[in-house]
Amino acid sequence: MDGAELQATQIRPELESIAALVHTVAQQHRGNSLELLGLLRLLESLHQEIRDSLFQQSLPDNRQALYALLRDIELCGGWPYIHRMKLQSFLSNLPIEPPEAEPQEEADPSP
């Protein structure tokens, strides 16, 4: 087992714990779109923060390490990406209701 594999097996329990906690929080707020949206925003923010600071600082500085990183990306599912729901998909969840008829004003009987 090389250093990267050893490190991956050491962090896996921590990642599984984080995933379980996120699932638990999401289930606790099932049906509450505002709370779930807040959770999604937090996850996106964490992704950006880790990517833009810690991950970029850890990028390889030699060809062998770069190859190993690219090979891992290729073999283990590609680049992590947070998919945003398209507006059309979001709107498809809204019930289609006919617009309410506006009350008609009664005609003024005065001349």
PDB file of N, CA and C in Angstrom:
ATOM      1  N   MET A   1       0.850  -1.177   0.000  1.00  0.00           N
ATOM      2  CA  MET A   1       0.000   0.000   0.000  1.00  0.00           C
ATOM      3  C   MET A   1       0.890   1.234   0.000  1.00  0.00           C
ATOM      4  N   ASP A   2       0.681   2.140  -1.005  1.00  0.00           N
ATOM      5  CA  ASP A   2       1.508   3.331  -1.047  1.00  0.00           C
ATOM      6  C   ASP A   2       0.937   4.413  -0.123  1.00  0.00           C
ATOM      7  N   GLY A   3       1.629   5.548  -0.038  1.00  0.00           N
ATOM      8  CA  GLY A   3       1.240   6.607   0.888  1.00  0.00           C
ATOM      9  C   GLY A   3      -0.149   7.158   0.628  1.00  0.00           C
ATOM     10  N   ALA A   4      -0.506   7.311  -0.651  1.00  0.00           N
ATOM     11  CA  ALA A   4      -1.821   7.856  -0.989  1.00  0.00           C
ATOM     12  C   ALA A   4      -2.934   6.890  -0.597  1.00  0.00           C
ATOM     13  N   GLU A   5      -2.712   5.591  -0.830  1.00  0.00           N
ATOM     14  CA  GLU A   5      -3.722   4.601  -0.453  1.00  0.00           C
ATOM     15  C   GLU A   5      -3.890   4.535   1.058  1.00  0.00           C
ATOM     16  N   LEU A   6      -2.762   4.603   1.785  1.00  0.00           N
ATOM     17  CA  LEU A   6      -2.811   4.586   3.238  1.00  0.00           C
ATOM     18  C   LEU A   6      -3.575   5.801   3.758  1.00  0.00           C
ATOM     19  N   GLN A   7      -3.295   6.962   3.197  1.00  0.00           N
ATOM     20  CA  GLN A   7      -3.975   8.182   3.613  1.00  0.00           C
ATOM     21  C   GLN A   7      -5.470   8.096   3.315  1.00  0.00           C
ATOM     22  N   ALA A   8      -5.834   7.534   2.167  1.00  0.00           N
ATOM     23  CA  ALA A   8      -7.244   7.400   1.804  1.00  0.00           C
ATOM     24  C   ALA A   8      -7.976   6.483   2.771  1.00  0.00           C
ATOM     25  N   THR A   9      -7.334   5.407   3.211  1.00  0.00           N
ATOM     26  CA  THR A   9      -8.003   4.500   4.145  1.00  0.00           C
ATOM     27  C   THR A   9      -8.102   5.114   5.530  1.00  0.00           C
ATOM     28  N   GLN A  10      -7.179   5.996   5.879  1.00  0.00           N
ATOM     29  CA  GLN A  10      -7.234   6.657   7.184  1.00  0.00           C
ATOM     30  C   GLN A  10      -8.333   7.712   7.240  1.00  0.00           C
ATOM     31  N   ILE A  11      -8.605   8.399   6.145  1.00  0.00           N
ATOM     32  CA  ILE A  11      -9.605   9.459   6.131  1.00  0.00           C
ATOM     33  C   ILE A  11     -11.010   8.911   5.879  1.00  0.00           C
ATOM     34  N   ARG A  12     -11.135   7.723   5.311  1.00  0.00           N
ATOM     35  CA  ARG A  12     -12.444   7.161   4.969  1.00  0.00           C
ATOM     36  C   ARG A  12     -13.420   7.142   6.141  1.00  0.00           C
ATOM     37  N   PRO A  13     -13.033   6.693   7.352  1.00  0.00           N
ATOM     38  CA  PRO A  13     -13.995   6.709   8.469  1.00  0.00           C
ATOM     39  C   PRO A  13     -14.485   8.122   8.798  1.00  0.00           C
ATOM     40  N   GLU A  14     -13.604   9.099   8.692  1.00  0.00           N
ATOM     41  CA  GLU A  14     -14.009  10.483   8.937  1.00  0.00           C
ATOM     42  C   GLU A  14     -15.011  10.949   7.886  1.00  0.00           C
ATOM     43  N   LEU A  15     -14.769  10.598   6.622  1.00  0.00           N
ATOM     44  CA  LEU A  15     -15.680  10.984   5.551  1.00  0.00           C
ATOM     45  C   LEU A  15     -17.031  10.299   5.702  1.00  0.00           C
ATOM     46  N   GLU A  16     -17.003   9.030   6.097  1.00  0.00           N
ATOM     47  CA  GLU A  16     -18.257   8.311   6.308  1.00  0.00           C
ATOM     48  C   GLU A  16     -19.052   8.926   7.449  1.00  0.00           C
ATOM     49  N   SER A  17     -18.374   9.377   8.479  1.00  0.00           N
ATOM     50  CA  SER A  17     -19.024  10.031   9.611  1.00  0.00           C
ATOM     51  C   SER A  17     -19.657  11.355   9.174  1.00  0.00           C
ATOM     52  N   ILE A  18     -18.932  12.123   8.377  1.00  0.00           N
ATOM     53  CA  ILE A  18     -19.461  13.391   7.865  1.00  0.00           C
ATOM     54  C   ILE A  18     -20.685  13.135   6.987  1.00  0.00           C
ATOM     55  N   ALA A  19     -20.591  12.151   6.100  1.00  0.00           N
ATOM     56  CA  ALA A  19     -21.718  11.824   5.218  1.00  0.00           C
ATOM     57  C   ALA A  19     -22.937  11.402   6.026  1.00  0.00           C
ATOM     58  N   ALA A  20     -22.727  10.594   7.059  1.00  0.00           N
ATOM     59  CA  ALA A  20     -23.842  10.152   7.898  1.00  0.00           C
ATOM     60  C   ALA A  20     -24.495  11.344   8.597  1.00  0.00           C
ATOM     61  N   LEU A  21     -23.691  12.267   9.083  1.00  0.00           N
ATOM     62  CA  LEU A  21     -24.230  13.454   9.744  1.00  0.00           C
ATOM     63  C   LEU A  21     -25.038  14.313   8.772  1.00  0.00           C
ATOM     64  N   VAL A  22     -24.519  14.502   7.569  1.00  0.00           N
ATOM     65  CA  VAL A  22     -25.241  15.293   6.560  1.00  0.00           C
ATOM     66  C   VAL A  22     -26.567  14.617   6.223  1.00  0.00           C
ATOM     67  N   HIS A  23     -26.560  13.295   6.049  1.00  0.00           N
ATOM     68  CA  HIS A  23     -27.805  12.567   5.775  1.00  0.00           C
ATOM     69  C   HIS A  23     -28.799  12.718   6.919  1.00  0.00           C
ATOM     70  N   THR A  24     -28.324  12.631   8.142  1.00  0.00           N
ATOM     71  CA  THR A  24     -29.195  12.765   9.311  1.00  0.00           C
ATOM     72  C   THR A  24     -29.838  14.148   9.355  1.00  0.00           C
ATOM     73  N   VAL A  25     -29.041  15.181   9.155  1.00  0.00           N
ATOM     74  CA  VAL A  25     -29.570  16.545   9.169  1.00  0.00           C
ATOM     75  C   VAL A  25     -30.581  16.728   8.041  1.00  0.00           C
ATOM     76  N   ALA A  26     -30.274  16.208   6.869  1.00  0.00           N
ATOM     77  CA  ALA A  26     -31.208  16.328   5.738  1.00  0.00           C
ATOM     78  C   ALA A  26     -32.526  15.621   6.057  1.00  0.00           C
ATOM     79  N   GLN A  27     -32.453  14.433   6.637  1.00  0.00           N
ATOM     80  CA  GLN A  27     -33.673  13.705   6.988  1.00  0.00           C
ATOM     81  C   GLN A  27     -34.474  14.438   8.053  1.00  0.00           C
ATOM     82  N   GLN A  28     -33.807  15.070   8.996  1.00  0.00           N
ATOM     83  CA  GLN A  28     -34.487  15.813  10.050  1.00  0.00           C
ATOM     84  C   GLN A  28     -35.280  16.986   9.477  1.00  0.00           C
ATOM     85  N   HIS A  29     -34.850  17.494   8.340  1.00  0.00           N
ATOM     86  CA  HIS A  29     -35.500  18.659   7.727  1.00  0.00           C
ATOM     87  C   HIS A  29     -36.270  18.290   6.463  1.00  0.00           C
ATOM     88  N   ARG A  30     -36.564  17.022   6.324  1.00  0.00           N
ATOM     89  CA  ARG A  30     -37.334  16.534   5.174  1.00  0.00           C
ATOM     90  C   ARG A  30     -38.631  17.346   5.074  1.00  0.00           C
ATOM     91  N   GLY A  31     -38.919  17.832   3.872  1.00  0.00           N
ATOM     92  CA  GLY A  31     -40.136  18.605   3.653  1.00  0.00           C
ATOM     93  C   GLY A  31     -39.966  20.096   3.898  1.00  0.00           C
ATOM     94  N   ASN A  32     -38.841  20.516   4.465  1.00  0.00           N
ATOM     95  CA  ASN A  32     -38.600  21.934   4.728  1.00  0.00           C
ATOM     96  C   ASN A  32     -37.595  22.456   3.695  1.00  0.00           C
ATOM     97  N   SER A  33     -38.129  22.991   2.613  1.00  0.00           N
ATOM     98  CA  SER A  33     -37.256  23.384   1.497  1.00  0.00           C
ATOM     99  C   SER A  33     -36.267  24.476   1.877  1.00  0.00           C
ATOM    100  N   LEU A  34     -36.631  25.392   2.760  1.00  0.00           N
ATOM    101  CA  LEU A  34     -35.699  26.458   3.140  1.00  0.00           C
ATOM    102  C   LEU A  34     -34.513  25.907   3.932  1.00  0.00           C
ATOM    103  N   GLU A  35     -34.767  24.995   4.854  1.00  0.00           N
ATOM    104  CA  GLU A  35     -33.672  24.398   5.622  1.00  0.00           C
ATOM    105  C   GLU A  35     -32.780  23.536   4.728  1.00  0.00           C
ATOM    106  N   LEU A  36     -33.387  22.769   3.832  1.00  0.00           N
ATOM    107  CA  LEU A  36     -32.596  21.926   2.920  1.00  0.00           C
ATOM    108  C   LEU A  36     -31.792  22.786   1.961  1.00  0.00           C
ATOM    109  N   LEU A  37     -32.353  23.903   1.508  1.00  0.00           N
ATOM    110  CA  LEU A  37     -31.610  24.829   0.653  1.00  0.00           C
ATOM    111  C   LEU A  37     -30.412  25.390   1.412  1.00  0.00           C
ATOM    112  N   GLY A  38     -30.597  25.699   2.684  1.00  0.00           N
ATOM    113  CA  GLY A  38     -29.482  26.163   3.512  1.00  0.00           C
ATOM    114  C   GLY A  38     -28.389  25.119   3.623  1.00  0.00           C
ATOM    115  N   LEU A  39     -28.774  23.857   3.774  1.00  0.00           N
ATOM    116  CA  LEU A  39     -27.801  22.767   3.830  1.00  0.00           C
ATOM    117  C   LEU A  39     -27.035  22.666   2.509  1.00  0.00           C
ATOM    118  N   LEU A  40     -27.754  22.741   1.384  1.00  0.00           N
ATOM    119  CA  LEU A  40     -27.090  22.676   0.077  1.00  0.00           C
ATOM    120  C   LEU A  40     -26.132  23.854  -0.113  1.00  0.00           C
ATOM    121  N   ARG A  41     -26.546  25.030   0.338  1.00  0.00           N
ATOM    122  CA  ARG A  41     -25.663  26.207   0.229  1.00  0.00           C
ATOM    123  C   ARG A  41     -24.405  26.022   1.072  1.00  0.00           C
ATOM    124  N   LEU A  42     -24.557  25.443   2.252  1.00  0.00           N
ATOM    125  CA  LEU A  42     -23.403  25.197   3.106  1.00  0.00           C
ATOM    126  C   LEU A  42     -22.439  24.216   2.444  1.00  0.00           C
ATOM    127  N   LEU A  43     -22.979  23.140   1.884  1.00  0.00           N
ATOM    128  CA  LEU A  43     -22.127  22.147   1.217  1.00  0.00           C
ATOM    129  C   LEU A  43     -21.397  22.772   0.033  1.00  0.00           C
ATOM    130  N   GLU A  44     -22.088  23.604  -0.735  1.00  0.00           N
ATOM    131  CA  GLU A  44     -21.446  24.263  -1.868  1.00  0.00           C
ATOM    132  C   GLU A  44     -20.348  25.205  -1.384  1.00  0.00           C
ATOM    133  N   SER A  45     -20.622  25.932  -0.314  1.00  0.00           N
ATOM    134  CA  SER A  45     -19.635  26.862   0.233  1.00  0.00           C
ATOM    135  C   SER A  45     -18.391  26.124   0.724  1.00  0.00           C
ATOM    136  N   LEU A  46     -18.609  25.009   1.411  1.00  0.00           N
ATOM    137  CA  LEU A  46     -17.475  24.203   1.875  1.00  0.00           C
ATOM    138  C   LEU A  46     -16.661  23.667   0.700  1.00  0.00           C
ATOM    139  N   HIS A  47     -17.349  23.221  -0.338  1.00  0.00           N
ATOM    140  CA  HIS A  47     -16.675  22.718  -1.536  1.00  0.00           C
ATOM    141  C   HIS A  47     -15.782  23.802  -2.128  1.00  0.00           C
ATOM    142  N   GLN A  48     -16.326  25.010  -2.286  1.00  0.00           N
ATOM    143  CA  GLN A  48     -15.552  26.104  -2.866  1.00  0.00           C
ATOM    144  C   GLN A  48     -14.371  26.484  -1.988  1.00  0.00           C
ATOM    145  N   GLU A  49     -14.603  26.539  -0.690  1.00  0.00           N
ATOM    146  CA  GLU A  49     -13.547  26.923   0.245  1.00  0.00           C
ATOM    147  C   GLU A  49     -12.392  25.917   0.220  1.00  0.00           C
ATOM    148  N   ILE A  50     -12.725  24.640   0.268  1.00  0.00           N
ATOM    149  CA  ILE A  50     -11.681  23.608   0.253  1.00  0.00           C
ATOM    150  C   ILE A  50     -10.955  23.595  -1.082  1.00  0.00           C
ATOM    151  N   ARG A  51     -11.716  23.706  -2.186  1.00  0.00           N
ATOM    152  CA  ARG A  51     -11.105  23.692  -3.516  1.00  0.00           C
ATOM    153  C   ARG A  51     -10.178  24.882  -3.716  1.00  0.00           C
ATOM    154  N   ASP A  52     -10.637  26.082  -3.336  1.00  0.00           N
ATOM    155  CA  ASP A  52      -9.888  27.299  -3.634  1.00  0.00           C
ATOM    156  C   ASP A  52      -8.710  27.551  -2.707  1.00  0.00           C
ATOM    157  N   SER A  53      -8.687  26.898  -1.568  1.00  0.00           N
ATOM    158  CA  SER A  53      -7.567  27.140  -0.662  1.00  0.00           C
ATOM    159  C   SER A  53      -6.745  25.864  -0.463  1.00  0.00           C
ATOM    160  N   LEU A  54      -7.233  24.983   0.337  1.00  0.00           N
ATOM    161  CA  LEU A  54      -6.445  23.807   0.718  1.00  0.00           C
ATOM    162  C   LEU A  54      -6.092  22.912  -0.459  1.00  0.00           C
ATOM    163  N   PHE A  55      -7.051  22.642  -1.340  1.00  0.00           N
ATOM    164  CA  PHE A  55      -6.772  21.736  -2.456  1.00  0.00           C
ATOM    165  C   PHE A  55      -5.753  22.338  -3.411  1.00  0.00           C
ATOM    166  N   GLN A  56      -5.943  23.601  -3.779  1.00  0.00           N
ATOM    167  CA  GLN A  56      -5.008  24.225  -4.718  1.00  0.00           C
ATOM    168  C   GLN A  56      -3.599  24.286  -4.139  1.00  0.00           C
ATOM    169  N   GLN A  57      -3.504  24.503  -2.830  1.00  0.00           N
ATOM    170  CA  GLN A  57      -2.191  24.545  -2.187  1.00  0.00           C
ATOM    171  C   GLN A  57      -1.522  23.175  -2.162  1.00  0.00           C
ATOM    172  N   SER A  58      -2.336  22.119  -2.263  1.00  0.00           N
ATOM    173  CA  SER A  58      -1.785  20.771  -2.170  1.00  0.00           C
ATOM    174  C   SER A  58      -1.480  20.149  -3.531  1.00  0.00           C
ATOM    175  N   LEU A  59      -1.690  20.885  -4.606  1.00  0.00           N
ATOM    176  CA  LEU A  59      -1.467  20.320  -5.941  1.00  0.00           C
ATOM    177  C   LEU A  59      -0.016  19.888  -6.106  1.00  0.00           C
ATOM    178  N   PRO A  60       0.199  18.824  -6.853  1.00  0.00           N
ATOM    179  CA  PRO A  60       1.555  18.267  -7.020  1.00  0.00           C
ATOM    180  C   PRO A  60       2.517  19.244  -7.685  1.00  0.00           C
ATOM    181  N   ASP A  61       3.780  19.064  -7.354  1.00  0.00           N
ATOM    182  CA  ASP A  61       4.813  19.917  -7.947  1.00  0.00           C
ATOM    183  C   ASP A  61       5.798  19.121  -8.802  1.00  0.00           C
ATOM    184  N   ASN A  62       5.443  17.849  -9.094  1.00  0.00           N
ATOM    185  CA  ASN A  62       6.273  17.067 -10.009  1.00  0.00           C
ATOM    186  C   ASN A  62       5.377  16.180 -10.868  1.00  0.00           C
ATOM    187  N   ARG A  63       5.932  15.689 -11.962  1.00  0.00           N
ATOM    188  CA  ARG A  63       5.128  14.927 -12.929  1.00  0.00           C
ATOM    189  C   ARG A  63       4.579  13.628 -12.370  1.00  0.00           C
ATOM    190  N   GLN A  64       5.349  12.937 -11.562  1.00  0.00           N
ATOM    191  CA  GLN A  64       4.883  11.662 -11.022  1.00  0.00           C
ATOM    192  C   GLN A  64       3.668  11.859 -10.109  1.00  0.00           C
ATOM    193  N   ALA A  65       3.730  12.857  -9.259  1.00  0.00           N
ATOM    194  CA  ALA A  65       2.616  13.129  -8.346  1.00  0.00           C
ATOM    195  C   ALA A  65       1.403  13.639  -9.127  1.00  0.00           C
ATOM    196  N   LEU A  66       1.636  14.449 -10.147  1.00  0.00           N
ATOM    197  CA  LEU A  66       0.534  14.937 -10.979  1.00  0.00           C
ATOM    198  C   LEU A  66      -0.127  13.774 -11.708  1.00  0.00           C
ATOM    199  N   TYR A  67       0.679  12.869 -12.226  1.00  0.00           N
ATOM    200  CA  TYR A  67       0.129  11.691 -12.906  1.00  0.00           C
ATOM    201  C   TYR A  67      -0.726  10.874 -11.937  1.00  0.00           C
ATOM    202  N   ALA A  68      -0.224  10.677 -10.721  1.00  0.00           N
ATOM    203  CA  ALA A  68      -0.978   9.900  -9.723  1.00  0.00           C
ATOM    204  C   ALA A  68      -2.315  10.572  -9.403  1.00  0.00           C
ATOM    205  N   LEU A  69      -2.301  11.890  -9.277  1.00  0.00           N
ATOM    206  CA  LEU A  69      -3.542  12.619  -9.003  1.00  0.00           C
ATOM    207  C   LEU A  69      -4.519  12.496 -10.167  1.00  0.00           C
ATOM    208  N   LEU A  70      -4.042  12.705 -11.383  1.00  0.00           N
ATOM    209  CA  LEU A  70      -4.907  12.600 -12.556  1.00  0.00           C
ATOM    210  C   LEU A  70      -5.430  11.178 -12.735  1.00  0.00           C
ATOM    211  N   ARG A  71      -4.600  10.210 -12.450  1.00  0.00           N
ATOM    212  CA  ARG A  71      -5.023   8.805 -12.539  1.00  0.00           C
ATOM    213  C   ARG A  71      -6.121   8.512 -11.512  1.00  0.00           C
ATOM    214  N   ASP A  72      -5.982   9.043 -10.307  1.00  0.00           N
ATOM    215  CA  ASP A  72      -7.014   8.868  -9.280  1.00  0.00           C
ATOM    216  C   ASP A  72      -8.320   9.529  -9.707  1.00  0.00           C
ATOM    217  N   ILE A  73      -8.230  10.720 -10.270  1.00  0.00           N
ATOM    218  CA  ILE A  73      -9.433  11.416 -10.749  1.00  0.00           C
ATOM    219  C   ILE A  73     -10.118  10.572 -11.818  1.00  0.00           C
ATOM    220  N   GLU A  74      -9.324  10.007 -12.721  1.00  0.00           N
ATOM    221  CA  GLU A  74      -9.876   9.195 -13.805  1.00  0.00           C
ATOM    222  C   GLU A  74     -10.508   7.904 -13.286  1.00  0.00           C
ATOM    223  N   LEU A  75      -9.850   7.241 -12.356  1.00  0.00           N
ATOM    224  CA  LEU A  75     -10.318   5.941 -11.879  1.00  0.00           C
ATOM    225  C   LEU A  75     -11.425   6.023 -10.833  1.00  0.00           C
ATOM    226  N   CYS A  76     -11.467   7.103 -10.095  1.00  0.00           N
ATOM    227  CA  CYS A  76     -12.371   7.163  -8.932  1.00  0.00           C
ATOM    228  C   CYS A  76     -13.540   8.129  -9.113  1.00  0.00           C
ATOM    229  N   GLY A  77     -13.949   8.391 -10.320  1.00  0.00           N
ATOM    230  CA  GLY A  77     -15.185   9.143 -10.494  1.00  0.00           C
ATOM    231  C   GLY A  77     -15.058  10.566 -10.980  1.00  0.00           C
ATOM    232  N   GLY A  78     -13.916  10.975 -11.400  1.00  0.00           N
ATOM    233  CA  GLY A  78     -13.801  12.300 -11.987  1.00  0.00           C
ATOM    234  C   GLY A  78     -13.694  13.408 -10.961  1.00  0.00           C
ATOM    235  N   TRP A  79     -13.828  14.611 -11.482  1.00  0.00           N
ATOM    236  CA  TRP A  79     -13.700  15.809 -10.669  1.00  0.00           C
ATOM    237  C   TRP A  79     -14.980  16.020  -9.863  1.00  0.00           C
ATOM    238  N   PRO A  80     -14.890  16.345  -8.565  1.00  0.00           N
ATOM    239  CA  PRO A  80     -16.104  16.582  -7.777  1.00  0.00           C
ATOM    240  C   PRO A  80     -16.830  17.822  -8.284  1.00  0.00           C
ATOM    241  N   TYR A  81     -18.100  17.701  -8.466  1.00  0.00           N
ATOM    242  CA  TYR A  81     -18.896  18.777  -9.032  1.00  0.00           C
ATOM    243  C   TYR A  81     -20.219  18.851  -8.298  1.00  0.00           C
ATOM    244  N   ILE A  82     -20.626  20.043  -7.936  1.00  0.00           N
ATOM    245  CA  ILE A  82     -21.922  20.226  -7.289  1.00  0.00           C
ATOM    246  C   ILE A  82     -22.884  20.720  -8.359  1.00  0.00           C
ATOM    247  N   HIS A  83     -23.798  19.846  -8.729  1.00  0.00           N
ATOM    248  CA  HIS A  83     -24.767  20.136  -9.786  1.00  0.00           C
ATOM    249  C   HIS A  83     -25.875  21.028  -9.245  1.00  0.00           C
ATOM    250  N   ARG A  84     -26.191  22.068  -9.969  1.00  0.00           N
ATOM    251  CA  ARG A  84     -27.289  22.945  -9.575  1.00  0.00           C
ATOM    252  C   ARG A  84     -28.530  22.587 -10.370  1.00  0.00           C
ATOM    253  N   MET A  85     -29.643  22.606  -9.685  1.00  0.00           N
ATOM    254  CA  MET A  85     -30.909  22.296 -10.329  1.00  0.00           C
ATOM    255  C   MET A  85     -31.231  23.393 -11.352  1.00  0.00           C
ATOM    256  N   LYS A  86     -31.659  23.005 -12.515  1.00  0.00           N
ATOM    257  CA  LYS A  86     -32.053  23.972 -13.532  1.00  0.00           C
ATOM    258  C   LYS A  86     -33.404  24.552 -13.148  1.00  0.00           C
ATOM    259  N   LEU A  87     -33.613  25.806 -13.505  1.00  0.00           N
ATOM    260  CA  LEU A  87     -34.850  26.491 -13.148  1.00  0.00           C
ATOM    261  C   LEU A  87     -36.068  25.743 -13.675  1.00  0.00           C
ATOM    262  N   GLN A  88     -35.977  25.190 -14.868  1.00  0.00           N
ATOM    263  CA  GLN A  88     -37.107  24.460 -15.442  1.00  0.00           C
ATOM    264  C   GLN A  88     -37.448  23.244 -14.579  1.00  0.00           C
ATOM    265  N   SER A  89     -36.458  22.536 -14.080  1.00  0.00           N
ATOM    266  CA  SER A  89     -36.710  21.396 -13.201  1.00  0.00           C
ATOM    267  C   SER A  89     -37.336  21.860 -11.891  1.00  0.00           C
ATOM    268  N   PHE A  90     -36.856  22.977 -11.384  1.00  0.00           N
ATOM    269  CA  PHE A  90     -37.392  23.543 -10.153  1.00  0.00           C
ATOM    270  C   PHE A  90     -38.869  23.898 -10.335  1.00  0.00           C
ATOM    271  N   LEU A  91     -39.173  24.547 -11.441  1.00  0.00           N
ATOM    272  CA  LEU A  91     -40.551  24.973 -11.695  1.00  0.00           C
ATOM    273  C   LEU A  91     -41.471  23.800 -11.994  1.00  0.00           C
ATOM    274  N   SER A  92     -40.931  22.689 -12.480  1.00  0.00           N
ATOM    275  CA  SER A  92     -41.781  21.541 -12.797  1.00  0.00           C
ATOM    276  C   SER A  92     -42.399  20.936 -11.538  1.00  0.00           C
ATOM    277  N   ASN A  93     -41.840  21.268 -10.381  1.00  0.00           N
ATOM    278  CA  ASN A  93     -42.382  20.767  -9.125  1.00  0.00           C
ATOM    279  C   ASN A  93     -43.546  21.604  -8.606  1.00  0.00           C
ATOM    280  N   LEU A  94     -43.762  22.756  -9.204  1.00  0.00           N
ATOM    281  CA  LEU A  94     -44.865  23.604  -8.765  1.00  0.00           C
ATOM    282  C   LEU A  94     -46.169  23.118  -9.384  1.00  0.00           C
ATOM    283  N   PRO A  95     -47.244  23.105  -8.595  1.00  0.00           N
ATOM    284  CA  PRO A  95     -48.532  22.684  -9.152  1.00  0.00           C
ATOM    285  C   PRO A  95     -49.043  23.734 -10.143  1.00  0.00           C
ATOM    286  N   ILE A  96     -49.636  23.238 -11.197  1.00  0.00           N
ATOM    287  CA  ILE A  96     -50.194  24.152 -12.193  1.00  0.00           C
ATOM    288  C   ILE A  96     -51.622  24.452 -11.781  1.00  0.00           C
ATOM    289  N   GLU A  97     -51.883  25.709 -11.474  1.00  0.00           N
ATOM    290  CA  GLU A  97     -53.213  26.129 -11.077  1.00  0.00           C
ATOM    291  C   GLU A  97     -53.688  27.191 -12.042  1.00  0.00           C
ATOM    292  N   PRO A  98     -54.945  27.125 -12.424  1.00  0.00           N
ATOM    293  CA  PRO A  98     -55.444  28.180 -13.300  1.00  0.00           C
ATOM    294  C   PRO A  98     -55.463  29.495 -12.545  1.00  0.00           C
ATOM    295  N   PRO A  99     -55.191  30.598 -13.240  1.00  0.00           N
ATOM    296  CA  PRO A  99     -55.211  31.894 -12.554  1.00  0.00           C
ATOM    297  C   PRO A  99     -56.626  32.192 -12.064  1.00  0.00           C
ATOM    298  N   GLU A 100     -56.684  32.797 -10.891  1.00  0.00           N
ATOM    299  CA  GLU A 100     -57.994  33.137 -10.347  1.00  0.00           C
ATOM    300  C   GLU A 100     -58.591  34.269 -11.164  1.00  0.00           C
ATOM    301  N   ALA A 101     -59.907  34.153 -11.390  1.00  0.00           N
ATOM    302  CA  ALA A 101     -60.598  35.207 -12.135  1.00  0.00           C
ATOM    303  C   ALA A 101     -60.657  36.449 -11.264  1.00  0.00           C
ATOM    304  N   GLU A 102     -60.363  37.574 -11.887  1.00  0.00           N
ATOM    305  CA  GLU A 102     -60.414  38.816 -11.135  1.00  0.00           C
ATOM    306  C   GLU A 102     -61.866  39.226 -10.974  1.00  0.00           C
ATOM    307  N   PRO A 103     -62.230  39.721  -9.804  1.00  0.00           N
ATOM    308  CA  PRO A 103     -63.625  40.143  -9.619  1.00  0.00           C
ATOM    309  C   PRO A 103     -63.942  41.299 -10.551  1.00  0.00           C
ATOM    310  N   GLN A 104     -65.071  41.163 -11.187  1.00  0.00           N
ATOM    311  CA  GLN A 104     -65.484  42.219 -12.114  1.00  0.00           C
ATOM    312  C   GLN A 104     -66.173  43.327 -11.340  1.00  0.00           C
ATOM    313  N   GLU A 105     -65.858  44.544 -11.723  1.00  0.00           N
ATOM    314  CA  GLU A 105     -66.480  45.676 -11.054  1.00  0.00           C
ATOM    315  C   GLU A 105     -67.903  45.815 -11.571  1.00  0.00           C
ATOM    316  N   GLU A 106     -68.782  46.122 -10.635  1.00  0.00           N
ATOM    317  CA  GLU A 106     -70.162  46.322 -11.046  1.00  0.00           C
ATOM    318  C   GLU A 106     -70.262  47.672 -11.759  1.00  0.00           C
ATOM    319  N   ALA A 107     -71.095  47.684 -12.770  1.00  0.00           N
ATOM    320  CA  ALA A 107     -71.276  48.908 -13.542  1.00  0.00           C
ATOM    321  C   ALA A 107     -71.931  49.950 -12.654  1.00  0.00           C
ATOM    322  N   ASP A 108     -71.499  51.173 -12.770  1.00  0.00           N
ATOM    323  CA  ASP A 108     -72.069  52.257 -11.987  1.00  0.00           C
ATOM    324  C   ASP A 108     -73.420  52.642 -12.594  1.00  0.00           C
ATOM    325  N   PRO A 109     -74.517  52.468 -11.832  1.00  0.00           N
ATOM    326  CA  PRO A 109     -75.847  52.734 -12.389  1.00  0.00           C
ATOM    327  C   PRO A 109     -76.156  54.219 -12.516  1.00  0.00           C
ATOM    328  N   SER A 110     -75.348  55.082 -11.979  1.00  0.00           N
ATOM    329  CA  SER A 110     -75.671  56.514 -12.063  1.00  0.00           C
ATOM    330  C   SER A 110     -75.371  57.046 -13.438  1.00  0.00           C
ATOM    331  N   PRO A 111     -76.194  57.987 -13.891  1.00  0.00           N
ATOM    332  CA  PRO A 111     -76.020  58.572 -15.233  1.00  0.00           C
ATOM    333  C   PRO A 111     -74.878  59.479 -15.347  1.00  0.00           C
TER     334      PRO A 111
END
